[in-house]
Amino acid sequence: MKHSGTSDTLDLSDVRHIERIVIGRYNPNNPDDEGHMQRQIEKLNQCLSASPKGVLIGKDTGFTVIKFGENTVVSQQIAYHIGFKRKPTHI
């Protein structure tokens, strides 16, 4: 992952802490789902921009199918894996 000429790029061998942040809906009946999702997005942005700056090293996607009588809802989640040289204090 190290690019020539860039000294601040994180090499995978330097990763000592991985933060997993899941963004997506879990329960469409939960009124705080939107607020929780927004807090997770803010946490992801903070991990990628605050010091120590994390690097996106992986992403998983998944979905859940929920049936409500005759209705079917598909809920998608994305898990971002952010690598750090050390565990950040802002997490």
N, C-alpha and C. Protein backbone atom coordinates (compact mmCIF):
# COMPACT_ATOMS: atom_id res chain seq x y z
N MET A 1 0.81 -1.20 0.00
CA MET A 1 0.00 0.00 0.00
C MET A 1 0.85 1.26 0.00
N LYS A 2 2.13 1.15 0.20
CA LYS A 2 2.97 2.34 0.24
C LYS A 2 3.27 2.79 -1.18
N HIS A 3 3.08 4.06 -1.44
CA HIS A 3 3.35 4.61 -2.76
C HIS A 3 4.68 5.33 -2.70
N SER A 4 5.46 5.24 -3.77
CA SER A 4 6.75 5.92 -3.77
C SER A 4 6.55 7.43 -3.75
N GLY A 5 7.35 8.09 -2.95
CA GLY A 5 7.28 9.55 -2.87
C GLY A 5 6.29 10.05 -1.84
N THR A 6 5.53 9.17 -1.20
CA THR A 6 4.55 9.59 -0.20
C THR A 6 4.98 9.04 1.15
N SER A 7 5.31 9.92 2.08
CA SER A 7 5.83 9.47 3.37
C SER A 7 4.73 9.24 4.40
N ASP A 8 3.53 9.80 4.20
CA ASP A 8 2.49 9.67 5.21
C ASP A 8 1.46 8.58 4.89
N THR A 9 1.69 7.77 3.89
CA THR A 9 0.79 6.69 3.54
C THR A 9 1.02 5.51 4.49
N LEU A 10 -0.06 4.92 4.95
CA LEU A 10 0.02 3.81 5.89
C LEU A 10 0.27 2.51 5.14
N ASP A 11 1.31 1.80 5.54
CA ASP A 11 1.62 0.48 5.01
C ASP A 11 0.85 -0.54 5.85
N LEU A 12 0.32 -1.59 5.26
CA LEU A 12 -0.46 -2.57 6.01
C LEU A 12 0.35 -3.22 7.13
N SER A 13 1.66 -3.32 6.97
CA SER A 13 2.47 -3.89 8.04
C SER A 13 2.56 -2.96 9.24
N ASP A 14 2.21 -1.68 9.07
CA ASP A 14 2.22 -0.71 10.17
C ASP A 14 0.91 -0.69 10.95
N VAL A 15 -0.13 -1.35 10.45
CA VAL A 15 -1.44 -1.31 11.10
C VAL A 15 -1.40 -2.07 12.42
N ARG A 16 -1.77 -1.39 13.50
CA ARG A 16 -1.81 -1.99 14.83
C ARG A 16 -3.22 -1.98 15.42
N HIS A 17 -4.13 -1.23 14.79
CA HIS A 17 -5.52 -1.15 15.27
C HIS A 17 -6.44 -1.02 14.07
N ILE A 18 -7.52 -1.81 14.07
CA ILE A 18 -8.52 -1.73 13.01
C ILE A 18 -9.86 -1.41 13.66
N GLU A 19 -10.49 -0.37 13.17
CA GLU A 19 -11.81 0.03 13.65
C GLU A 19 -12.83 -0.39 12.59
N ARG A 20 -13.88 -1.10 13.01
CA ARG A 20 -14.95 -1.54 12.11
C ARG A 20 -16.17 -0.67 12.36
N ILE A 21 -16.62 0.02 11.32
CA ILE A 21 -17.76 0.92 11.44
C ILE A 21 -18.84 0.45 10.47
N VAL A 22 -20.00 0.08 11.02
CA VAL A 22 -21.10 -0.43 10.20
C VAL A 22 -22.13 0.68 10.01
N ILE A 23 -22.47 0.93 8.76
CA ILE A 23 -23.46 1.95 8.43
C ILE A 23 -24.59 1.26 7.67
N GLY A 24 -25.81 1.51 8.11
CA GLY A 24 -26.96 0.93 7.44
C GLY A 24 -28.11 0.75 8.40
N ARG A 25 -29.23 0.36 7.86
CA ARG A 25 -30.42 0.15 8.66
C ARG A 25 -30.45 -1.27 9.20
N TYR A 26 -30.83 -1.39 10.48
CA TYR A 26 -30.97 -2.69 11.11
C TYR A 26 -32.42 -3.05 11.31
N ASN A 27 -33.21 -2.07 11.76
CA ASN A 27 -34.61 -2.31 12.08
C ASN A 27 -35.43 -1.14 11.59
N PRO A 28 -36.20 -1.30 10.54
CA PRO A 28 -36.98 -0.19 10.01
C PRO A 28 -38.04 0.35 10.98
N ASN A 29 -38.37 -0.40 12.04
CA ASN A 29 -39.35 0.06 13.02
C ASN A 29 -38.72 0.91 14.12
N ASN A 30 -37.37 0.98 14.16
CA ASN A 30 -36.67 1.73 15.20
C ASN A 30 -36.59 3.20 14.79
N PRO A 31 -37.18 4.12 15.57
CA PRO A 31 -37.16 5.53 15.19
C PRO A 31 -35.78 6.17 15.29
N ASP A 32 -34.86 5.56 16.05
CA ASP A 32 -33.51 6.13 16.18
C ASP A 32 -32.55 5.60 15.13
N ASP A 33 -33.03 4.74 14.24
CA ASP A 33 -32.16 4.16 13.22
C ASP A 33 -31.47 5.24 12.38
N GLU A 34 -32.20 6.26 11.98
CA GLU A 34 -31.63 7.33 11.16
C GLU A 34 -30.56 8.09 11.94
N GLY A 35 -30.83 8.37 13.21
CA GLY A 35 -29.85 9.06 14.05
C GLY A 35 -28.60 8.22 14.27
N HIS A 36 -28.79 6.92 14.50
CA HIS A 36 -27.65 6.02 14.68
C HIS A 36 -26.79 5.97 13.42
N MET A 37 -27.45 5.89 12.27
CA MET A 37 -26.73 5.85 11.00
C MET A 37 -25.92 7.13 10.80
N GLN A 38 -26.50 8.28 11.14
CA GLN A 38 -25.79 9.56 10.99
C GLN A 38 -24.59 9.63 11.93
N ARG A 39 -24.72 9.12 13.16
CA ARG A 39 -23.59 9.10 14.09
C ARG A 39 -22.47 8.20 13.58
N GLN A 40 -22.83 7.08 12.96
CA GLN A 40 -21.81 6.19 12.40
C GLN A 40 -21.09 6.84 11.22
N ILE A 41 -21.81 7.59 10.39
CA ILE A 41 -21.19 8.31 9.28
C ILE A 41 -20.22 9.36 9.81
N GLU A 42 -20.62 10.07 10.87
CA GLU A 42 -19.74 11.07 11.47
C GLU A 42 -18.49 10.41 12.06
N LYS A 43 -18.66 9.24 12.67
CA LYS A 43 -17.51 8.52 13.22
C LYS A 43 -16.56 8.09 12.10
N LEU A 44 -17.11 7.62 10.98
CA LEU A 44 -16.29 7.23 9.84
C LEU A 44 -15.51 8.43 9.31
N ASN A 45 -16.19 9.56 9.14
CA ASN A 45 -15.51 10.76 8.66
C ASN A 45 -14.41 11.21 9.61
N GLN A 46 -14.67 11.10 10.91
CA GLN A 46 -13.66 11.49 11.90
C GLN A 46 -12.45 10.56 11.82
N CYS A 47 -12.68 9.27 11.65
CA CYS A 47 -11.58 8.32 11.55
C CYS A 47 -10.71 8.58 10.32
N LEU A 48 -11.32 9.05 9.25
CA LEU A 48 -10.57 9.28 8.01
C LEU A 48 -9.94 10.66 7.94
N SER A 49 -10.31 11.57 8.86
CA SER A 49 -9.78 12.93 8.74
C SER A 49 -9.03 13.43 9.98
N ALA A 50 -9.36 12.92 11.19
CA ALA A 50 -8.72 13.40 12.41
C ALA A 50 -7.36 12.72 12.60
N SER A 51 -6.59 13.26 13.51
CA SER A 51 -5.27 12.70 13.78
C SER A 51 -5.38 11.72 14.94
N PRO A 52 -4.83 10.52 14.88
CA PRO A 52 -4.12 9.95 13.75
C PRO A 52 -5.10 9.56 12.65
N LYS A 53 -4.72 9.84 11.44
CA LYS A 53 -5.59 9.62 10.29
C LYS A 53 -5.61 8.14 9.91
N GLY A 54 -6.80 7.59 9.81
CA GLY A 54 -6.95 6.20 9.42
C GLY A 54 -7.02 6.05 7.91
N VAL A 55 -6.84 4.81 7.47
CA VAL A 55 -6.88 4.49 6.05
C VAL A 55 -7.89 3.37 5.84
N LEU A 56 -8.73 3.51 4.83
CA LEU A 56 -9.70 2.48 4.49
C LEU A 56 -8.95 1.27 3.95
N ILE A 57 -9.07 0.14 4.67
CA ILE A 57 -8.34 -1.05 4.23
C ILE A 57 -9.28 -2.17 3.76
N GLY A 58 -10.58 -1.97 3.97
CA GLY A 58 -11.53 -2.99 3.52
C GLY A 58 -12.96 -2.53 3.68
N LYS A 59 -13.86 -3.19 2.95
CA LYS A 59 -15.29 -2.86 3.00
C LYS A 59 -16.08 -4.12 2.74
N ASP A 60 -17.05 -4.39 3.61
CA ASP A 60 -17.96 -5.53 3.43
C ASP A 60 -19.37 -4.99 3.28
N THR A 61 -20.15 -5.64 2.45
CA THR A 61 -21.55 -5.27 2.33
C THR A 61 -22.42 -6.48 2.67
N GLY A 62 -23.55 -6.20 3.25
CA GLY A 62 -24.48 -7.25 3.59
C GLY A 62 -25.90 -6.73 3.55
N PHE A 63 -26.85 -7.62 3.61
CA PHE A 63 -28.24 -7.19 3.61
C PHE A 63 -29.07 -8.13 4.45
N THR A 64 -30.21 -7.63 4.87
CA THR A 64 -31.18 -8.40 5.65
C THR A 64 -32.54 -8.24 4.99
N VAL A 65 -33.25 -9.32 4.84
CA VAL A 65 -34.60 -9.28 4.29
C VAL A 65 -35.57 -9.40 5.46
N ILE A 66 -36.45 -8.40 5.59
CA ILE A 66 -37.41 -8.36 6.69
C ILE A 66 -38.82 -8.42 6.10
N LYS A 67 -39.64 -9.34 6.61
CA LYS A 67 -41.02 -9.46 6.11
C LYS A 67 -41.98 -8.90 7.14
N PHE A 68 -42.88 -8.05 6.69
CA PHE A 68 -43.96 -7.49 7.50
C PHE A 68 -45.27 -7.88 6.84
N GLY A 69 -45.82 -9.00 7.23
CA GLY A 69 -47.05 -9.47 6.60
C GLY A 69 -46.80 -9.76 5.13
N GLU A 70 -47.46 -8.98 4.25
CA GLU A 70 -47.28 -9.16 2.81
C GLU A 70 -46.14 -8.30 2.27
N ASN A 71 -45.61 -7.40 3.08
CA ASN A 71 -44.54 -6.50 2.64
C ASN A 71 -43.17 -7.07 2.96
N THR A 72 -42.23 -6.82 2.08
CA THR A 72 -40.85 -7.24 2.27
C THR A 72 -39.95 -6.01 2.16
N VAL A 73 -39.05 -5.87 3.14
CA VAL A 73 -38.10 -4.75 3.15
C VAL A 73 -36.69 -5.33 3.11
N VAL A 74 -35.85 -4.80 2.24
CA VAL A 74 -34.46 -5.21 2.17
C VAL A 74 -33.63 -4.11 2.81
N SER A 75 -32.86 -4.47 3.81
CA SER A 75 -32.05 -3.52 4.56
C SER A 75 -30.58 -3.82 4.26
N GLN A 76 -29.81 -2.80 3.85
CA GLN A 76 -28.41 -3.00 3.51
C GLN A 76 -27.51 -2.35 4.54
N GLN A 77 -26.41 -3.02 4.86
CA GLN A 77 -25.39 -2.49 5.75
C GLN A 77 -24.03 -2.56 5.04
N ILE A 78 -23.19 -1.58 5.32
CA ILE A 78 -21.82 -1.57 4.81
C ILE A 78 -20.89 -1.44 6.00
N ALA A 79 -19.93 -2.34 6.11
CA ALA A 79 -18.94 -2.29 7.18
C ALA A 79 -17.62 -1.80 6.59
N TYR A 80 -17.13 -0.69 7.13
CA TYR A 80 -15.85 -0.13 6.71
C TYR A 80 -14.80 -0.53 7.72
N HIS A 81 -13.63 -0.97 7.25
CA HIS A 81 -12.52 -1.35 8.11
C HIS A 81 -11.44 -0.28 7.93
N ILE A 82 -11.17 0.46 9.02
CA ILE A 82 -10.23 1.57 8.98
C ILE A 82 -9.00 1.16 9.78
N GLY A 83 -7.82 1.24 9.14
CA GLY A 83 -6.58 0.86 9.80
C GLY A 83 -5.83 2.06 10.35
N PHE A 84 -5.22 1.88 11.52
CA PHE A 84 -4.43 2.92 12.20
C PHE A 84 -3.09 2.36 12.63
N LYS A 85 -2.09 3.21 12.73
CA LYS A 85 -0.80 2.82 13.28
C LYS A 85 -0.91 2.57 14.78
N ARG A 86 -1.81 3.31 15.45
CA ARG A 86 -2.07 3.12 16.87
C ARG A 86 -3.54 3.42 17.11
N LYS A 87 -4.07 2.97 18.26
CA LYS A 87 -5.48 3.21 18.55
C LYS A 87 -5.71 4.70 18.82
N PRO A 88 -6.60 5.33 18.07
CA PRO A 88 -6.88 6.75 18.28
C PRO A 88 -7.62 6.99 19.59
N THR A 89 -7.41 8.16 20.16
CA THR A 89 -8.11 8.50 21.40
C THR A 89 -9.51 9.02 21.12
N HIS A 90 -9.80 9.43 19.89
CA HIS A 90 -11.11 10.01 19.56
C HIS A 90 -12.19 8.96 19.31
N ILE A 91 -11.85 7.70 19.41
CA ILE A 91 -12.84 6.63 19.14
C ILE A 91 -13.49 6.21 20.43
